[in-house]
Amino acid sequence: MENKETFNLVTHEYERYRPVYPSEMFDDIFTYLNLNNEDSILEIGCGTGQATGGLVSKDYTNITCIELCSNLAGAHQTFH
């Protein structure tokens, strides 16, 4: 079984137990990359949206997410 198939089998556990990224990590990334809120972000392997949520919480809204695991992509949160 390939790794991408493994995550399809454990989607609910992954979503439940996956730690949340600390807010400071996003501050450091944005500072290091000199990003502003209007910049486009491509998130590859977004899983269930843990990092996406951190990006949105920092007022980044131009985010494109790519996830190959169909169950993880289906579990991805919608952020407003």
PDB file of N, CA and C in Angstrom:
ATOM      1  N   MET A   1       0.850  -1.183   0.000  1.00  0.00           N
ATOM      2  CA  MET A   1       0.000   0.000   0.000  1.00  0.00           C
ATOM      3  C   MET A   1       0.891   1.240   0.000  1.00  0.00           C
ATOM      4  N   GLU A   2       0.540   2.207  -0.809  1.00  0.00           N
ATOM      5  CA  GLU A   2       1.294   3.448  -0.875  1.00  0.00           C
ATOM      6  C   GLU A   2       0.905   4.373   0.270  1.00  0.00           C
ATOM      7  N   ASN A   3       1.807   5.287   0.631  1.00  0.00           N
ATOM      8  CA  ASN A   3       1.537   6.220   1.731  1.00  0.00           C
ATOM      9  C   ASN A   3       0.262   7.018   1.523  1.00  0.00           C
ATOM     10  N   LYS A   4       0.016   7.474   0.287  1.00  0.00           N
ATOM     11  CA  LYS A   4      -1.177   8.284   0.061  1.00  0.00           C
ATOM     12  C   LYS A   4      -2.442   7.485   0.329  1.00  0.00           C
ATOM     13  N   GLU A   5      -2.404   6.178   0.116  1.00  0.00           N
ATOM     14  CA  GLU A   5      -3.561   5.331   0.409  1.00  0.00           C
ATOM     15  C   GLU A   5      -3.732   5.141   1.916  1.00  0.00           C
ATOM     16  N   THR A   6      -2.630   5.115   2.650  1.00  0.00           N
ATOM     17  CA  THR A   6      -2.694   4.964   4.105  1.00  0.00           C
ATOM     18  C   THR A   6      -3.505   6.086   4.731  1.00  0.00           C
ATOM     19  N   PHE A   7      -3.265   7.303   4.322  1.00  0.00           N
ATOM     20  CA  PHE A   7      -3.995   8.437   4.891  1.00  0.00           C
ATOM     21  C   PHE A   7      -5.478   8.383   4.550  1.00  0.00           C
ATOM     22  N   ASN A   8      -5.826   7.795   3.426  1.00  0.00           N
ATOM     23  CA  ASN A   8      -7.238   7.636   3.094  1.00  0.00           C
ATOM     24  C   ASN A   8      -7.932   6.695   4.073  1.00  0.00           C
ATOM     25  N   LEU A   9      -7.184   5.766   4.653  1.00  0.00           N
ATOM     26  CA  LEU A   9      -7.763   4.802   5.590  1.00  0.00           C
ATOM     27  C   LEU A   9      -7.903   5.356   7.004  1.00  0.00           C
ATOM     28  N   VAL A  10      -7.133   6.357   7.340  1.00  0.00           N
ATOM     29  CA  VAL A  10      -7.121   6.878   8.715  1.00  0.00           C
ATOM     30  C   VAL A  10      -7.460   8.369   8.774  1.00  0.00           C
ATOM     31  N   THR A  11      -8.296   8.819   7.880  1.00  0.00           N
ATOM     32  CA  THR A  11      -8.611  10.246   7.778  1.00  0.00           C
ATOM     33  C   THR A  11      -9.143  10.826   9.075  1.00  0.00           C
ATOM     34  N   HIS A  12     -10.110  10.159   9.693  1.00  0.00           N
ATOM     35  CA  HIS A  12     -10.724  10.710  10.909  1.00  0.00           C
ATOM     36  C   HIS A  12      -9.722  10.766  12.055  1.00  0.00           C
ATOM     37  N   GLU A  13      -8.873   9.746  12.186  1.00  0.00           N
ATOM     38  CA  GLU A  13      -7.852   9.749  13.229  1.00  0.00           C
ATOM     39  C   GLU A  13      -6.818  10.843  12.967  1.00  0.00           C
ATOM     40  N   TYR A  14      -6.431  10.976  11.721  1.00  0.00           N
ATOM     41  CA  TYR A  14      -5.463  12.014  11.353  1.00  0.00           C
ATOM     42  C   TYR A  14      -6.007  13.390  11.708  1.00  0.00           C
ATOM     43  N   GLU A  15      -7.250  13.637  11.336  1.00  0.00           N
ATOM     44  CA  GLU A  15      -7.863  14.938  11.614  1.00  0.00           C
ATOM     45  C   GLU A  15      -7.994  15.179  13.117  1.00  0.00           C
ATOM     46  N   ARG A  16      -8.310  14.148  13.849  1.00  0.00           N
ATOM     47  CA  ARG A  16      -8.540  14.291  15.293  1.00  0.00           C
ATOM     48  C   ARG A  16      -7.245  14.511  16.078  1.00  0.00           C
ATOM     49  N   TYR A  17      -6.188  13.793  15.708  1.00  0.00           N
ATOM     50  CA  TYR A  17      -4.973  13.804  16.518  1.00  0.00           C
ATOM     51  C   TYR A  17      -3.838  14.649  15.946  1.00  0.00           C
ATOM     52  N   ARG A  18      -4.007  15.192  14.781  1.00  0.00           N
ATOM     53  CA  ARG A  18      -2.964  16.013  14.174  1.00  0.00           C
ATOM     54  C   ARG A  18      -2.818  17.296  14.975  1.00  0.00           C
ATOM     55  N   PRO A  19      -1.613  17.580  15.501  1.00  0.00           N
ATOM     56  CA  PRO A  19      -1.423  18.802  16.288  1.00  0.00           C
ATOM     57  C   PRO A  19      -1.641  20.061  15.447  1.00  0.00           C
ATOM     58  N   VAL A  20      -2.078  21.099  16.107  1.00  0.00           N
ATOM     59  CA  VAL A  20      -2.262  22.399  15.463  1.00  0.00           C
ATOM     60  C   VAL A  20      -0.917  23.117  15.447  1.00  0.00           C
ATOM     61  N   TYR A  21      -0.632  23.787  14.355  1.00  0.00           N
ATOM     62  CA  TYR A  21       0.608  24.548  14.264  1.00  0.00           C
ATOM     63  C   TYR A  21       0.511  25.798  15.134  1.00  0.00           C
ATOM     64  N   PRO A  22       1.595  26.163  15.829  1.00  0.00           N
ATOM     65  CA  PRO A  22       1.561  27.383  16.649  1.00  0.00           C
ATOM     66  C   PRO A  22       1.480  28.632  15.772  1.00  0.00           C
ATOM     67  N   SER A  23       0.745  29.597  16.226  1.00  0.00           N
ATOM     68  CA  SER A  23       0.547  30.854  15.499  1.00  0.00           C
ATOM     69  C   SER A  23       1.877  31.540  15.187  1.00  0.00           C
ATOM     70  N   GLU A  24       2.819  31.440  16.100  1.00  0.00           N
ATOM     71  CA  GLU A  24       4.126  32.080  15.917  1.00  0.00           C
ATOM     72  C   GLU A  24       4.865  31.519  14.699  1.00  0.00           C
ATOM     73  N   MET A  25       4.618  30.246  14.385  1.00  0.00           N
ATOM     74  CA  MET A  25       5.268  29.644  13.223  1.00  0.00           C
ATOM     75  C   MET A  25       4.878  30.389  11.944  1.00  0.00           C
ATOM     76  N   PHE A  26       3.595  30.735  11.833  1.00  0.00           N
ATOM     77  CA  PHE A  26       3.134  31.465  10.653  1.00  0.00           C
ATOM     78  C   PHE A  26       3.734  32.866  10.613  1.00  0.00           C
ATOM     79  N   ASP A  27       3.826  33.517  11.761  1.00  0.00           N
ATOM     80  CA  ASP A  27       4.463  34.838  11.814  1.00  0.00           C
ATOM     81  C   ASP A  27       5.900  34.761  11.301  1.00  0.00           C
ATOM     82  N   ASP A  28       6.631  33.741  11.748  1.00  0.00           N
ATOM     83  CA  ASP A  28       8.021  33.568  11.321  1.00  0.00           C
ATOM     84  C   ASP A  28       8.122  33.321   9.815  1.00  0.00           C
ATOM     85  N   ILE A  29       7.245  32.478   9.287  1.00  0.00           N
ATOM     86  CA  ILE A  29       7.259  32.179   7.850  1.00  0.00           C
ATOM     87  C   ILE A  29       6.982  33.435   7.039  1.00  0.00           C
ATOM     88  N   PHE A  30       5.948  34.183   7.431  1.00  0.00           N
ATOM     89  CA  PHE A  30       5.578  35.382   6.683  1.00  0.00           C
ATOM     90  C   PHE A  30       6.676  36.436   6.740  1.00  0.00           C
ATOM     91  N   THR A  31       7.315  36.565   7.891  1.00  0.00           N
ATOM     92  CA  THR A  31       8.412  37.522   8.031  1.00  0.00           C
ATOM     93  C   THR A  31       9.596  37.098   7.171  1.00  0.00           C
ATOM     94  N   TYR A  32       9.959  35.825   7.248  1.00  0.00           N
ATOM     95  CA  TYR A  32      11.104  35.315   6.497  1.00  0.00           C
ATOM     96  C   TYR A  32      10.899  35.477   4.992  1.00  0.00           C
ATOM     97  N   LEU A  33       9.690  35.184   4.522  1.00  0.00           N
ATOM     98  CA  LEU A  33       9.394  35.256   3.086  1.00  0.00           C
ATOM     99  C   LEU A  33       8.922  36.629   2.632  1.00  0.00           C
ATOM    100  N   ASN A  34       8.751  37.540   3.588  1.00  0.00           N
ATOM    101  CA  ASN A  34       8.283  38.892   3.287  1.00  0.00           C
ATOM    102  C   ASN A  34       6.945  38.863   2.542  1.00  0.00           C
ATOM    103  N   LEU A  35       6.017  38.051   3.039  1.00  0.00           N
ATOM    104  CA  LEU A  35       4.690  37.928   2.429  1.00  0.00           C
ATOM    105  C   LEU A  35       3.745  38.970   2.994  1.00  0.00           C
ATOM    106  N   ASN A  36       2.803  39.385   2.163  1.00  0.00           N
ATOM    107  CA  ASN A  36       1.723  40.225   2.661  1.00  0.00           C
ATOM    108  C   ASN A  36       0.397  39.544   2.338  1.00  0.00           C
ATOM    109  N   ASN A  37      -0.672  40.057   2.890  1.00  0.00           N
ATOM    110  CA  ASN A  37      -1.977  39.404   2.815  1.00  0.00           C
ATOM    111  C   ASN A  37      -2.534  39.270   1.403  1.00  0.00           C
ATOM    112  N   GLU A  38      -2.028  40.035   0.456  1.00  0.00           N
ATOM    113  CA  GLU A  38      -2.530  39.959  -0.912  1.00  0.00           C
ATOM    114  C   GLU A  38      -1.784  38.923  -1.747  1.00  0.00           C
ATOM    115  N   ASP A  39      -0.687  38.388  -1.231  1.00  0.00           N
ATOM    116  CA  ASP A  39       0.100  37.417  -1.993  1.00  0.00           C
ATOM    117  C   ASP A  39      -0.659  36.107  -2.171  1.00  0.00           C
ATOM    118  N   SER A  40      -0.355  35.414  -3.266  1.00  0.00           N
ATOM    119  CA  SER A  40      -0.935  34.097  -3.529  1.00  0.00           C
ATOM    120  C   SER A  40      -0.095  33.036  -2.830  1.00  0.00           C
ATOM    121  N   ILE A  41      -0.772  32.050  -2.242  1.00  0.00           N
ATOM    122  CA  ILE A  41      -0.097  30.959  -1.552  1.00  0.00           C
ATOM    123  C   ILE A  41      -0.574  29.648  -2.156  1.00  0.00           C
ATOM    124  N   LEU A  42       0.364  28.759  -2.492  1.00  0.00           N
ATOM    125  CA  LEU A  42       0.050  27.418  -2.961  1.00  0.00           C
ATOM    126  C   LEU A  42       0.424  26.447  -1.854  1.00  0.00           C
ATOM    127  N   GLU A  43      -0.557  25.755  -1.327  1.00  0.00           N
ATOM    128  CA  GLU A  43      -0.320  24.776  -0.265  1.00  0.00           C
ATOM    129  C   GLU A  43      -0.455  23.384  -0.866  1.00  0.00           C
ATOM    130  N   ILE A  44       0.660  22.665  -0.932  1.00  0.00           N
ATOM    131  CA  ILE A  44       0.677  21.323  -1.509  1.00  0.00           C
ATOM    132  C   ILE A  44       0.671  20.314  -0.375  1.00  0.00           C
ATOM    133  N   GLY A  45      -0.282  19.383  -0.425  1.00  0.00           N
ATOM    134  CA  GLY A  45      -0.425  18.395   0.641  1.00  0.00           C
ATOM    135  C   GLY A  45      -1.106  18.997   1.848  1.00  0.00           C
ATOM    136  N   CYS A  46      -2.246  19.625   1.622  1.00  0.00           N
ATOM    137  CA  CYS A  46      -2.920  20.388   2.680  1.00  0.00           C
ATOM    138  C   CYS A  46      -3.623  19.509   3.710  1.00  0.00           C
ATOM    139  N   GLY A  47      -3.725  18.212   3.449  1.00  0.00           N
ATOM    140  CA  GLY A  47      -4.362  17.329   4.427  1.00  0.00           C
ATOM    141  C   GLY A  47      -5.766  17.777   4.751  1.00  0.00           C
ATOM    142  N   THR A  48      -6.054  17.897   6.035  1.00  0.00           N
ATOM    143  CA  THR A  48      -7.394  18.308   6.469  1.00  0.00           C
ATOM    144  C   THR A  48      -7.489  19.807   6.728  1.00  0.00           C
ATOM    145  N   GLY A  49      -6.427  20.534   6.477  1.00  0.00           N
ATOM    146  CA  GLY A  49      -6.497  21.989   6.561  1.00  0.00           C
ATOM    147  C   GLY A  49      -5.879  22.620   7.788  1.00  0.00           C
ATOM    148  N   GLN A  50      -5.017  21.902   8.505  1.00  0.00           N
ATOM    149  CA  GLN A  50      -4.395  22.485   9.698  1.00  0.00           C
ATOM    150  C   GLN A  50      -3.605  23.747   9.359  1.00  0.00           C
ATOM    151  N   ALA A  51      -2.745  23.662   8.363  1.00  0.00           N
ATOM    152  CA  ALA A  51      -1.952  24.844   7.992  1.00  0.00           C
ATOM    153  C   ALA A  51      -2.828  25.894   7.324  1.00  0.00           C
ATOM    154  N   THR A  52      -3.801  25.450   6.546  1.00  0.00           N
ATOM    155  CA  THR A  52      -4.701  26.393   5.883  1.00  0.00           C
ATOM    156  C   THR A  52      -5.406  27.267   6.910  1.00  0.00           C
ATOM    157  N   GLY A  53      -5.858  26.650   7.992  1.00  0.00           N
ATOM    158  CA  GLY A  53      -6.519  27.402   9.056  1.00  0.00           C
ATOM    159  C   GLY A  53      -5.608  28.447   9.663  1.00  0.00           C
ATOM    160  N   GLY A  54      -4.334  28.106   9.826  1.00  0.00           N
ATOM    161  CA  GLY A  54      -3.369  29.074  10.341  1.00  0.00           C
ATOM    162  C   GLY A  54      -3.158  30.231   9.391  1.00  0.00           C
ATOM    163  N   LEU A  55      -3.136  29.933   8.101  1.00  0.00           N
ATOM    164  CA  LEU A  55      -2.993  30.993   7.096  1.00  0.00           C
ATOM    165  C   LEU A  55      -4.198  31.920   7.115  1.00  0.00           C
ATOM    166  N   VAL A  56      -5.381  31.339   7.165  1.00  0.00           N
ATOM    167  CA  VAL A  56      -6.614  32.132   7.174  1.00  0.00           C
ATOM    168  C   VAL A  56      -6.701  32.975   8.445  1.00  0.00           C
ATOM    169  N   SER A  57      -6.261  32.416   9.572  1.00  0.00           N
ATOM    170  CA  SER A  57      -6.323  33.168  10.831  1.00  0.00           C
ATOM    171  C   SER A  57      -5.423  34.405  10.801  1.00  0.00           C
ATOM    172  N   LYS A  58      -4.454  34.406   9.896  1.00  0.00           N
ATOM    173  CA  LYS A  58      -3.562  35.565   9.727  1.00  0.00           C
ATOM    174  C   LYS A  58      -4.031  36.461   8.579  1.00  0.00           C
ATOM    175  N   ASP A  59      -5.280  36.267   8.157  1.00  0.00           N
ATOM    176  CA  ASP A  59      -5.919  37.087   7.117  1.00  0.00           C
ATOM    177  C   ASP A  59      -5.359  36.875   5.715  1.00  0.00           C
ATOM    178  N   TYR A  60      -4.805  35.697   5.463  1.00  0.00           N
ATOM    179  CA  TYR A  60      -4.414  35.332   4.098  1.00  0.00           C
ATOM    180  C   TYR A  60      -5.587  34.589   3.479  1.00  0.00           C
ATOM    181  N   THR A  61      -6.054  35.055   2.334  1.00  0.00           N
ATOM    182  CA  THR A  61      -7.249  34.450   1.734  1.00  0.00           C
ATOM    183  C   THR A  61      -7.037  33.964   0.305  1.00  0.00           C
ATOM    184  N   ASN A  62      -5.935  34.316  -0.312  1.00  0.00           N
ATOM    185  CA  ASN A  62      -5.667  33.893  -1.683  1.00  0.00           C
ATOM    186  C   ASN A  62      -4.821  32.620  -1.639  1.00  0.00           C
ATOM    187  N   ILE A  63      -5.448  31.511  -1.214  1.00  0.00           N
ATOM    188  CA  ILE A  63      -4.755  30.249  -0.977  1.00  0.00           C
ATOM    189  C   ILE A  63      -5.322  29.188  -1.910  1.00  0.00           C
ATOM    190  N   THR A  64      -4.446  28.507  -2.623  1.00  0.00           N
ATOM    191  CA  THR A  64      -4.836  27.364  -3.438  1.00  0.00           C
ATOM    192  C   THR A  64      -4.277  26.122  -2.766  1.00  0.00           C
ATOM    193  N   CYS A  65      -5.151  25.148  -2.489  1.00  0.00           N
ATOM    194  CA  CYS A  65      -4.753  23.924  -1.800  1.00  0.00           C
ATOM    195  C   CYS A  65      -4.818  22.736  -2.751  1.00  0.00           C
ATOM    196  N   ILE A  66      -3.800  21.879  -2.675  1.00  0.00           N
ATOM    197  CA  ILE A  66      -3.767  20.650  -3.461  1.00  0.00           C
ATOM    198  C   ILE A  66      -3.579  19.486  -2.497  1.00  0.00           C
ATOM    199  N   GLU A  67      -4.451  18.487  -2.594  1.00  0.00           N
ATOM    200  CA  GLU A  67      -4.362  17.288  -1.758  1.00  0.00           C
ATOM    201  C   GLU A  67      -4.709  16.076  -2.615  1.00  0.00           C
ATOM    202  N   LEU A  68      -3.796  15.100  -2.676  1.00  0.00           N
ATOM    203  CA  LEU A  68      -4.011  13.912  -3.499  1.00  0.00           C
ATOM    204  C   LEU A  68      -4.908  12.870  -2.847  1.00  0.00           C
ATOM    205  N   CYS A  69      -4.921  12.806  -1.523  1.00  0.00           N
ATOM    206  CA  CYS A  69      -5.750  11.818  -0.820  1.00  0.00           C
ATOM    207  C   CYS A  69      -7.198  12.288  -0.833  1.00  0.00           C
ATOM    208  N   SER A  70      -8.039  11.537  -1.491  1.00  0.00           N
ATOM    209  CA  SER A  70      -9.427  11.981  -1.666  1.00  0.00           C
ATOM    210  C   SER A  70     -10.156  12.152  -0.341  1.00  0.00           C
ATOM    211  N   ASN A  71      -9.930  11.269   0.623  1.00  0.00           N
ATOM    212  CA  ASN A  71     -10.618  11.395   1.911  1.00  0.00           C
ATOM    213  C   ASN A  71     -10.129  12.605   2.699  1.00  0.00           C
ATOM    214  N   LEU A  72      -8.835  12.861   2.655  1.00  0.00           N
ATOM    215  CA  LEU A  72      -8.314  14.050   3.337  1.00  0.00           C
ATOM    216  C   LEU A  72      -8.857  15.308   2.680  1.00  0.00           C
ATOM    217  N   ALA A  73      -8.877  15.330   1.361  1.00  0.00           N
ATOM    218  CA  ALA A  73      -9.411  16.495   0.649  1.00  0.00           C
ATOM    219  C   ALA A  73     -10.881  16.693   0.984  1.00  0.00           C
ATOM    220  N   GLY A  74     -11.621  15.613   1.136  1.00  0.00           N
ATOM    221  CA  GLY A  74     -13.036  15.706   1.485  1.00  0.00           C
ATOM    222  C   GLY A  74     -13.253  16.185   2.904  1.00  0.00           C
ATOM    223  N   ALA A  75     -12.271  15.943   3.768  1.00  0.00           N
ATOM    224  CA  ALA A  75     -12.378  16.359   5.168  1.00  0.00           C
ATOM    225  C   ALA A  75     -11.852  17.770   5.376  1.00  0.00           C
ATOM    226  N   HIS A  76     -11.253  18.342   4.341  1.00  0.00           N
ATOM    227  CA  HIS A  76     -10.671  19.684   4.437  1.00  0.00           C
ATOM    228  C   HIS A  76     -11.744  20.673   4.859  1.00  0.00           C
ATOM    229  N   GLN A  77     -11.396  21.509   5.789  1.00  0.00           N
ATOM    230  CA  GLN A  77     -12.337  22.480   6.336  1.00  0.00           C
ATOM    231  C   GLN A  77     -12.578  23.621   5.353  1.00  0.00           C
ATOM    232  N   THR A  78     -13.729  24.231   5.475  1.00  0.00           N
ATOM    233  CA  THR A  78     -14.029  25.434   4.712  1.00  0.00           C
ATOM    234  C   THR A  78     -13.857  26.620   5.639  1.00  0.00           C
ATOM    235  N   PHE A  79     -13.069  27.585   5.214  1.00  0.00           N
ATOM    236  CA  PHE A  79     -12.780  28.750   6.037  1.00  0.00           C
ATOM    237  C   PHE A  79     -13.424  29.977   5.421  1.00  0.00           C
ATOM    238  N   HIS A  80     -13.975  30.823   6.269  1.00  0.00           N
ATOM    239  CA  HIS A  80     -14.598  32.065   5.803  1.00  0.00           C
ATOM    240  C   HIS A  80     -13.926  33.236   6.470  1.00  0.00           C
TER     241      HIS A  80
END
